[in-house]
Amino acid sequence: MAKFVKYILELSNWYRDWELVKEAAIIADKLGFWGIAMADHYLRAEGRDDATLDSWFALAHLASRTNTINVGTLVTPIPFRPPAILAKMVATLDIISNGRTFLGVGAGWSRREFEAYSEWNDPIVRASKTEEGIRLMLGLWTKEKQSFRESTITPKEAFSNLNRFRSRTHLSCLEGRVLECSS
């Protein structure tokens, strides 16, 4: 069986690189890359104060300027935003890109960033929120109503019309993780 390699060009969401990012996305689309991706970070881990763009807004713009290349994140920390809102954002991009969206998922690792924009939790809680968030998003993309009454997720119930407007039945998801290795 033949295996095919899919190339994803990772692009910066730093404000200072925006003009170059727009050009690179168009070139990657013309060259036949499978995808372009941005890290979904609001702050840099190094503690620098480089201004960043919101990756989902930037990807929407890039999707409007390209024709065939897939657009998404490597990765979006699911506990960083309410999953129902993230589901709406991803589905919206998938619709306006004509089905070219993928979602890289992770639990998040930058304490500095979480404390500035969200809520920091220990790794087990973040992993649990990630798993629950993915289930909620998948439910919102396929059902009218999704309930999580005994959950850490708020709201406890979400209503959706996203399943009516999906541009395709399968959204590509990638998982990112940091593995701790010991000798």
C-alpha atoms as a PDB file:
ATOM      1  CA  MET A   1       0.000   0.000   0.000  1.00  0.00           C
ATOM      2  CA  ALA A   2       1.373   3.382  -0.965  1.00  0.00           C
ATOM      3  CA  LYS A   3       1.763   5.965   1.777  1.00  0.00           C
ATOM      4  CA  PHE A   4       1.660   9.650   1.108  1.00  0.00           C
ATOM      5  CA  VAL A   5       3.354  12.376   3.061  1.00  0.00           C
ATOM      6  CA  LYS A   6       1.313  15.482   3.788  1.00  0.00           C
ATOM      7  CA  TYR A   7       3.285  18.658   4.322  1.00  0.00           C
ATOM      8  CA  ILE A   8       2.107  21.326   6.742  1.00  0.00           C
ATOM      9  CA  LEU A   9       3.841  24.689   6.800  1.00  0.00           C
ATOM     10  CA  GLU A  10       3.850  26.109  10.313  1.00  0.00           C
ATOM     11  CA  LEU A  11       3.384  29.856  10.289  1.00  0.00           C
ATOM     12  CA  SER A  12       3.899  32.426  12.996  1.00  0.00           C
ATOM     13  CA  ASN A  13       1.095  34.353  14.652  1.00  0.00           C
ATOM     14  CA  TRP A  14       3.470  37.150  15.664  1.00  0.00           C
ATOM     15  CA  TYR A  15       2.184  40.498  14.517  1.00  0.00           C
ATOM     16  CA  ARG A  16       5.616  41.519  13.196  1.00  0.00           C
ATOM     17  CA  ASP A  17       5.606  38.547  10.752  1.00  0.00           C
ATOM     18  CA  TRP A  18       2.079  39.052   9.390  1.00  0.00           C
ATOM     19  CA  GLU A  19       3.013  40.328   5.910  1.00  0.00           C
ATOM     20  CA  LEU A  20       5.447  37.442   5.404  1.00  0.00           C
ATOM     21  CA  VAL A  21       2.882  34.940   6.722  1.00  0.00           C
ATOM     22  CA  LYS A  22       0.299  36.083   4.158  1.00  0.00           C
ATOM     23  CA  GLU A  23       2.796  35.665   1.316  1.00  0.00           C
ATOM     24  CA  ALA A  24       3.988  32.277   2.582  1.00  0.00           C
ATOM     25  CA  ALA A  25       0.420  30.937   2.802  1.00  0.00           C
ATOM     26  CA  ILE A  26      -0.301  31.855  -0.815  1.00  0.00           C
ATOM     27  CA  ILE A  27       2.970  30.305  -2.006  1.00  0.00           C
ATOM     28  CA  ALA A  28       2.360  27.108   0.009  1.00  0.00           C
ATOM     29  CA  ASP A  29      -1.121  26.865  -1.531  1.00  0.00           C
ATOM     30  CA  LYS A  30       0.318  27.182  -5.046  1.00  0.00           C
ATOM     31  CA  LEU A  31       3.048  24.622  -4.301  1.00  0.00           C
ATOM     32  CA  GLY A  32       0.505  22.012  -3.200  1.00  0.00           C
ATOM     33  CA  PHE A  33       1.178  21.852   0.542  1.00  0.00           C
ATOM     34  CA  TRP A  34      -1.542  19.952   2.418  1.00  0.00           C
ATOM     35  CA  GLY A  35      -1.863  22.570   5.138  1.00  0.00           C
ATOM     36  CA  ILE A  36      -0.758  25.694   6.925  1.00  0.00           C
ATOM     37  CA  ALA A  37      -0.858  25.859  10.699  1.00  0.00           C
ATOM     38  CA  MET A  38      -0.385  28.354  13.475  1.00  0.00           C
ATOM     39  CA  ALA A  39       0.320  27.783  17.128  1.00  0.00           C
ATOM     40  CA  ASP A  40      -2.616  29.015  19.173  1.00  0.00           C
ATOM     41  CA  HIS A  41      -0.773  31.182  21.686  1.00  0.00           C
ATOM     42  CA  TYR A  42      -1.428  34.674  23.014  1.00  0.00           C
ATOM     43  CA  LEU A  43       1.925  34.966  24.794  1.00  0.00           C
ATOM     44  CA  ARG A  44       5.385  33.698  23.998  1.00  0.00           C
ATOM     45  CA  ALA A  45       6.844  31.215  26.455  1.00  0.00           C
ATOM     46  CA  GLU A  46      10.159  33.021  26.522  1.00  0.00           C
ATOM     47  CA  GLY A  47       8.550  35.945  28.325  1.00  0.00           C
ATOM     48  CA  ARG A  48       9.076  38.357  25.466  1.00  0.00           C
ATOM     49  CA  ASP A  49       6.363  40.882  24.828  1.00  0.00           C
ATOM     50  CA  ASP A  50       6.039  40.185  21.112  1.00  0.00           C
ATOM     51  CA  ALA A  51       2.521  41.056  20.002  1.00  0.00           C
ATOM     52  CA  THR A  52       0.564  38.090  18.669  1.00  0.00           C
ATOM     53  CA  LEU A  53      -2.529  37.835  16.509  1.00  0.00           C
ATOM     54  CA  ASP A  54      -5.435  35.564  17.370  1.00  0.00           C
ATOM     55  CA  SER A  55      -4.656  32.466  15.292  1.00  0.00           C
ATOM     56  CA  TRP A  56      -8.281  31.634  14.442  1.00  0.00           C
ATOM     57  CA  PHE A  57      -8.949  35.113  13.051  1.00  0.00           C
ATOM     58  CA  ALA A  58      -5.667  35.046  11.138  1.00  0.00           C
ATOM     59  CA  LEU A  59      -6.465  31.600   9.707  1.00  0.00           C
ATOM     60  CA  ALA A  60      -9.859  32.842   8.537  1.00  0.00           C
ATOM     61  CA  HIS A  61      -8.124  35.584   6.594  1.00  0.00           C
ATOM     62  CA  LEU A  62      -5.601  33.124   5.118  1.00  0.00           C
ATOM     63  CA  ALA A  63      -8.413  30.748   4.124  1.00  0.00           C
ATOM     64  CA  SER A  64     -10.045  33.586   2.203  1.00  0.00           C
ATOM     65  CA  ARG A  65      -6.826  34.217   0.267  1.00  0.00           C
ATOM     66  CA  THR A  66      -6.075  30.581  -0.634  1.00  0.00           C
ATOM     67  CA  ASN A  67      -7.875  27.940  -2.674  1.00  0.00           C
ATOM     68  CA  THR A  68      -6.984  24.374  -1.717  1.00  0.00           C
ATOM     69  CA  ILE A  69      -4.661  24.355   1.272  1.00  0.00           C
ATOM     70  CA  ASN A  70      -6.044  23.236   4.644  1.00  0.00           C
ATOM     71  CA  VAL A  71      -5.840  25.666   7.571  1.00  0.00           C
ATOM     72  CA  GLY A  72      -5.639  24.948  11.276  1.00  0.00           C
ATOM     73  CA  THR A  73      -3.710  25.039  14.504  1.00  0.00           C
ATOM     74  CA  LEU A  74      -0.781  23.110  15.919  1.00  0.00           C
ATOM     75  CA  VAL A  75      -2.149  23.070  18.590  1.00  0.00           C
ATOM     76  CA  THR A  76      -5.102  24.677  20.336  1.00  0.00           C
ATOM     77  CA  PRO A  77      -5.164  24.037  24.081  1.00  0.00           C
ATOM     78  CA  ILE A  78      -8.754  22.924  24.646  1.00  0.00           C
ATOM     79  CA  PRO A  79      -8.936  24.115  28.308  1.00  0.00           C
ATOM     80  CA  PHE A  80      -7.889  27.636  27.242  1.00  0.00           C
ATOM     81  CA  ARG A  81     -11.369  28.582  25.929  1.00  0.00           C
ATOM     82  CA  PRO A  82     -14.879  27.335  26.609  1.00  0.00           C
ATOM     83  CA  PRO A  83     -15.224  24.314  24.276  1.00  0.00           C
ATOM     84  CA  ALA A  84     -18.673  25.328  22.987  1.00  0.00           C
ATOM     85  CA  ILE A  85     -17.242  28.653  21.817  1.00  0.00           C
ATOM     86  CA  LEU A  86     -14.206  26.935  20.284  1.00  0.00           C
ATOM     87  CA  ALA A  87     -16.532  24.487  18.488  1.00  0.00           C
ATOM     88  CA  LYS A  88     -18.389  27.443  16.967  1.00  0.00           C
ATOM     89  CA  MET A  89     -15.108  29.101  15.907  1.00  0.00           C
ATOM     90  CA  VAL A  90     -13.745  25.931  14.264  1.00  0.00           C
ATOM     91  CA  ALA A  91     -17.042  25.139  12.523  1.00  0.00           C
ATOM     92  CA  THR A  92     -17.283  28.712  11.236  1.00  0.00           C
ATOM     93  CA  LEU A  93     -13.797  28.521   9.754  1.00  0.00           C
ATOM     94  CA  ASP A  94     -14.592  25.118   8.247  1.00  0.00           C
ATOM     95  CA  ILE A  95     -17.674  26.563   6.583  1.00  0.00           C
ATOM     96  CA  ILE A  96     -16.052  29.702   5.188  1.00  0.00           C
ATOM     97  CA  SER A  97     -13.004  27.703   4.010  1.00  0.00           C
ATOM     98  CA  ASN A  98     -15.222  25.166   2.196  1.00  0.00           C
ATOM     99  CA  GLY A  99     -14.174  22.266   4.404  1.00  0.00           C
ATOM    100  CA  ARG A 100     -10.449  22.983   4.632  1.00  0.00           C
ATOM    101  CA  THR A 101     -10.114  23.285   8.420  1.00  0.00           C
ATOM    102  CA  PHE A 102      -8.242  21.031  10.821  1.00  0.00           C
ATOM    103  CA  LEU A 103      -7.930  21.295  14.575  1.00  0.00           C
ATOM    104  CA  GLY A 104      -4.775  20.412  16.443  1.00  0.00           C
ATOM    105  CA  VAL A 105      -5.698  19.684  20.058  1.00  0.00           C
ATOM    106  CA  GLY A 106      -3.710  19.704  23.261  1.00  0.00           C
ATOM    107  CA  ALA A 107      -4.074  20.343  26.978  1.00  0.00           C
ATOM    108  CA  GLY A 108      -1.823  23.408  27.101  1.00  0.00           C
ATOM    109  CA  TRP A 109       1.480  23.859  28.858  1.00  0.00           C
ATOM    110  CA  SER A 110       2.175  27.568  29.339  1.00  0.00           C
ATOM    111  CA  ARG A 111       1.257  28.510  32.890  1.00  0.00           C
ATOM    112  CA  ARG A 112       2.086  32.164  32.168  1.00  0.00           C
ATOM    113  CA  GLU A 113      -0.367  32.260  29.279  1.00  0.00           C
ATOM    114  CA  PHE A 114      -3.174  30.455  31.118  1.00  0.00           C
ATOM    115  CA  GLU A 115      -2.832  32.738  34.135  1.00  0.00           C
ATOM    116  CA  ALA A 116      -3.009  35.799  31.873  1.00  0.00           C
ATOM    117  CA  TYR A 117      -6.021  34.724  29.780  1.00  0.00           C
ATOM    118  CA  SER A 118      -7.726  31.724  31.346  1.00  0.00           C
ATOM    119  CA  GLU A 119      -7.289  29.479  34.384  1.00  0.00           C
ATOM    120  CA  TRP A 120      -4.251  27.339  35.180  1.00  0.00           C
ATOM    121  CA  ASN A 121      -4.859  23.783  36.409  1.00  0.00           C
ATOM    122  CA  ASP A 122      -2.597  20.846  37.132  1.00  0.00           C
ATOM    123  CA  PRO A 123      -1.861  18.482  34.194  1.00  0.00           C
ATOM    124  CA  ILE A 124      -4.454  15.877  35.204  1.00  0.00           C
ATOM    125  CA  VAL A 125      -7.256  18.471  35.321  1.00  0.00           C
ATOM    126  CA  ARG A 126      -6.144  19.996  31.992  1.00  0.00           C
ATOM    127  CA  ALA A 127      -6.065  16.526  30.380  1.00  0.00           C
ATOM    128  CA  SER A 128      -9.551  15.787  31.731  1.00  0.00           C
ATOM    129  CA  LYS A 129     -10.868  19.145  30.457  1.00  0.00           C
ATOM    130  CA  THR A 130      -9.289  18.400  27.077  1.00  0.00           C
ATOM    131  CA  GLU A 131     -11.001  15.025  26.796  1.00  0.00           C
ATOM    132  CA  GLU A 132     -14.370  16.429  27.891  1.00  0.00           C
ATOM    133  CA  GLY A 133     -13.970  19.424  25.596  1.00  0.00           C
ATOM    134  CA  ILE A 134     -13.284  17.236  22.581  1.00  0.00           C
ATOM    135  CA  ARG A 135     -16.389  15.139  23.332  1.00  0.00           C
ATOM    136  CA  LEU A 136     -18.497  18.297  23.690  1.00  0.00           C
ATOM    137  CA  MET A 137     -17.196  19.755  20.417  1.00  0.00           C
ATOM    138  CA  LEU A 138     -17.769  16.503  18.523  1.00  0.00           C
ATOM    139  CA  GLY A 139     -21.300  16.412  19.930  1.00  0.00           C
ATOM    140  CA  LEU A 140     -21.987  19.991  18.897  1.00  0.00           C
ATOM    141  CA  TRP A 141     -20.800  19.221  15.383  1.00  0.00           C
ATOM    142  CA  THR A 142     -23.157  16.235  15.074  1.00  0.00           C
ATOM    143  CA  LYS A 143     -26.153  16.778  17.407  1.00  0.00           C
ATOM    144  CA  GLU A 144     -28.690  19.488  18.208  1.00  0.00           C
ATOM    145  CA  LYS A 145     -28.005  19.509  21.956  1.00  0.00           C
ATOM    146  CA  GLN A 146     -25.124  18.391  24.110  1.00  0.00           C
ATOM    147  CA  SER A 147     -25.356  17.983  27.906  1.00  0.00           C
ATOM    148  CA  PHE A 148     -22.530  17.740  30.425  1.00  0.00           C
ATOM    149  CA  ARG A 149     -24.373  17.992  33.729  1.00  0.00           C
ATOM    150  CA  GLU A 150     -21.737  16.114  35.776  1.00  0.00           C
ATOM    151  CA  SER A 151     -18.734  17.772  34.265  1.00  0.00           C
ATOM    152  CA  THR A 152     -16.069  20.385  34.837  1.00  0.00           C
ATOM    153  CA  ILE A 153     -17.207  22.089  31.635  1.00  0.00           C
ATOM    154  CA  THR A 154     -19.455  25.105  31.710  1.00  0.00           C
ATOM    155  CA  PRO A 155     -22.059  25.698  30.460  1.00  0.00           C
ATOM    156  CA  LYS A 156     -23.666  22.411  31.462  1.00  0.00           C
ATOM    157  CA  GLU A 157     -25.741  22.334  28.308  1.00  0.00           C
ATOM    158  CA  ALA A 158     -25.023  23.666  24.853  1.00  0.00           C
ATOM    159  CA  PHE A 159     -27.332  24.013  21.872  1.00  0.00           C
ATOM    160  CA  SER A 160     -26.074  23.981  18.357  1.00  0.00           C
ATOM    161  CA  ASN A 161     -27.148  24.360  14.802  1.00  0.00           C
ATOM    162  CA  LEU A 162     -23.626  23.636  13.580  1.00  0.00           C
ATOM    163  CA  ASN A 163     -24.566  20.121  12.457  1.00  0.00           C
ATOM    164  CA  ARG A 164     -26.913  21.626   9.850  1.00  0.00           C
ATOM    165  CA  PHE A 165     -24.218  23.710   8.211  1.00  0.00           C
ATOM    166  CA  ARG A 166     -21.150  21.484   8.246  1.00  0.00           C
ATOM    167  CA  SER A 167     -19.335  21.663   4.948  1.00  0.00           C
ATOM    168  CA  ARG A 168     -18.320  18.032   5.318  1.00  0.00           C
ATOM    169  CA  THR A 169     -18.936  15.150   7.670  1.00  0.00           C
ATOM    170  CA  HIS A 170     -15.361  14.762   8.880  1.00  0.00           C
ATOM    171  CA  LEU A 171     -13.182  17.421  10.464  1.00  0.00           C
ATOM    172  CA  SER A 172      -9.499  16.554  10.665  1.00  0.00           C
ATOM    173  CA  CYS A 173      -8.146  16.538  14.220  1.00  0.00           C
ATOM    174  CA  LEU A 174      -4.524  16.255  15.253  1.00  0.00           C
ATOM    175  CA  GLU A 175      -3.338  15.598  18.777  1.00  0.00           C
ATOM    176  CA  GLY A 176      -0.326  17.284  20.318  1.00  0.00           C
ATOM    177  CA  ARG A 177       1.321  16.090  23.475  1.00  0.00           C
ATOM    178  CA  VAL A 178       4.473  16.474  25.442  1.00  0.00           C
ATOM    179  CA  LEU A 179       5.843  13.181  26.665  1.00  0.00           C
ATOM    180  CA  GLU A 180       8.023  12.950  29.716  1.00  0.00           C
ATOM    181  CA  CYS A 181      10.816  10.467  29.177  1.00  0.00           C
ATOM    182  CA  SER A 182      12.826   8.879  31.960  1.00  0.00           C
ATOM    183  CA  SER A 183      15.826   6.623  31.757  1.00  0.00           C
END
